[in-house]
Amino acid sequence: MPRITGKVLIHQNDTSKPLPGILVGVLSASAPHPDVAAKTNAAGDYTLDGLAPGTYVIGAAGAQAKT
């Protein structure tokens, strides 16, 4: 089955830093709820497994980084 992988970063002061604990989810055009969701790890990485072939919208939500 297809999978989506990625990394969530924040860009501050000309530096990119990973954002852990961000919820990333995908939605198909006909679904009212996320089809698959995962939280980013300490390095900001996520993997969304078990997706059927198709077109999806991806979104992310979580606490903002504090400096």
C-alpha atoms as a PDB file:
ATOM      1  CA  MET A   1       0.000   0.000   0.000  1.00  0.00           C
ATOM      2  CA  PRO A   2       1.148   3.563  -0.609  1.00  0.00           C
ATOM      3  CA  ARG A   3       2.685   5.623   2.151  1.00  0.00           C
ATOM      4  CA  ILE A   4       3.516   9.263   2.700  1.00  0.00           C
ATOM      5  CA  THR A   5       6.614  10.283   4.637  1.00  0.00           C
ATOM      6  CA  GLY A   6       7.892  13.713   5.518  1.00  0.00           C
ATOM      7  CA  LYS A   7       9.407  16.085   8.041  1.00  0.00           C
ATOM      8  CA  VAL A   8       7.863  19.053   9.848  1.00  0.00           C
ATOM      9  CA  LEU A   9      10.252  21.941  10.411  1.00  0.00           C
ATOM     10  CA  ILE A  10      10.037  25.478  11.714  1.00  0.00           C
ATOM     11  CA  HIS A  11      12.215  28.173  10.210  1.00  0.00           C
ATOM     12  CA  GLN A  12      13.486  30.709  12.742  1.00  0.00           C
ATOM     13  CA  ASN A  13      16.424  33.097  12.533  1.00  0.00           C
ATOM     14  CA  ASP A  14      17.687  31.571   9.280  1.00  0.00           C
ATOM     15  CA  THR A  15      17.701  28.095  10.868  1.00  0.00           C
ATOM     16  CA  SER A  16      15.325  25.160  10.379  1.00  0.00           C
ATOM     17  CA  LYS A  17      14.483  23.063  13.430  1.00  0.00           C
ATOM     18  CA  PRO A  18      12.348  19.893  13.678  1.00  0.00           C
ATOM     19  CA  LEU A  19       8.967  20.055  15.393  1.00  0.00           C
ATOM     20  CA  PRO A  20       8.194  16.935  17.442  1.00  0.00           C
ATOM     21  CA  GLY A  21       4.657  16.007  18.504  1.00  0.00           C
ATOM     22  CA  ILE A  22       2.856  17.574  15.534  1.00  0.00           C
ATOM     23  CA  LEU A  23      -0.219  15.656  14.355  1.00  0.00           C
ATOM     24  CA  VAL A  24      -0.105  15.105  10.582  1.00  0.00           C
ATOM     25  CA  GLY A  25      -3.125  13.630   8.820  1.00  0.00           C
ATOM     26  CA  VAL A  26      -4.439  12.974   5.342  1.00  0.00           C
ATOM     27  CA  LEU A  27      -7.975  13.289   4.082  1.00  0.00           C
ATOM     28  CA  SER A  28      -9.439  11.920   0.888  1.00  0.00           C
ATOM     29  CA  ALA A  29     -11.850  14.149  -0.984  1.00  0.00           C
ATOM     30  CA  SER A  30     -14.918  12.269   0.292  1.00  0.00           C
ATOM     31  CA  ALA A  31     -13.920  11.657   3.939  1.00  0.00           C
ATOM     32  CA  PRO A  32     -15.134  13.887   6.799  1.00  0.00           C
ATOM     33  CA  HIS A  33     -12.351  12.605   9.108  1.00  0.00           C
ATOM     34  CA  PRO A  34      -8.649  11.940   8.525  1.00  0.00           C
ATOM     35  CA  ASP A  35      -8.012   8.622   6.785  1.00  0.00           C
ATOM     36  CA  VAL A  36      -4.641   8.198   8.507  1.00  0.00           C
ATOM     37  CA  ALA A  37      -2.802  10.315  11.083  1.00  0.00           C
ATOM     38  CA  ALA A  38       0.543  10.178  12.886  1.00  0.00           C
ATOM     39  CA  LYS A  39       2.594  12.357  15.228  1.00  0.00           C
ATOM     40  CA  THR A  40       6.052  13.577  14.340  1.00  0.00           C
ATOM     41  CA  ASN A  41       8.966  12.070  16.250  1.00  0.00           C
ATOM     42  CA  ALA A  42      11.821  13.972  17.932  1.00  0.00           C
ATOM     43  CA  ALA A  43      13.423  14.612  14.525  1.00  0.00           C
ATOM     44  CA  GLY A  44      10.144  15.958  13.077  1.00  0.00           C
ATOM     45  CA  ASP A  45       9.662  12.874  10.866  1.00  0.00           C
ATOM     46  CA  TYR A  46       6.316  11.190  10.217  1.00  0.00           C
ATOM     47  CA  THR A  47       5.048   8.210   8.220  1.00  0.00           C
ATOM     48  CA  LEU A  48       1.464   7.694   7.103  1.00  0.00           C
ATOM     49  CA  ASP A  49       0.952   4.026   6.141  1.00  0.00           C
ATOM     50  CA  GLY A  50      -1.984   2.065   4.774  1.00  0.00           C
ATOM     51  CA  LEU A  51      -3.286   4.542   2.231  1.00  0.00           C
ATOM     52  CA  ALA A  52      -5.287   3.386  -0.753  1.00  0.00           C
ATOM     53  CA  PRO A  53      -4.181   4.848  -4.085  1.00  0.00           C
ATOM     54  CA  GLY A  54      -5.811   8.229  -4.620  1.00  0.00           C
ATOM     55  CA  THR A  55      -5.620  11.966  -4.124  1.00  0.00           C
ATOM     56  CA  TYR A  56      -5.322  13.328  -0.599  1.00  0.00           C
ATOM     57  CA  VAL A  57      -5.106  16.618   1.255  1.00  0.00           C
ATOM     58  CA  ILE A  58      -2.464  16.685   3.985  1.00  0.00           C
ATOM     59  CA  GLY A  59      -2.632  18.852   7.089  1.00  0.00           C
ATOM     60  CA  ALA A  60      -0.791  19.374  10.346  1.00  0.00           C
ATOM     61  CA  ALA A  61      -1.748  20.683  13.770  1.00  0.00           C
ATOM     62  CA  GLY A  62       0.038  21.113  17.064  1.00  0.00           C
ATOM     63  CA  ALA A  63       1.507  23.456  19.608  1.00  0.00           C
ATOM     64  CA  GLN A  64       3.661  26.243  18.272  1.00  0.00           C
ATOM     65  CA  ALA A  65       7.369  26.149  18.929  1.00  0.00           C
ATOM     66  CA  LYS A  66       8.565  28.336  21.787  1.00  0.00           C
ATOM     67  CA  THR A  67      11.969  29.932  21.886  1.00  0.00           C
END
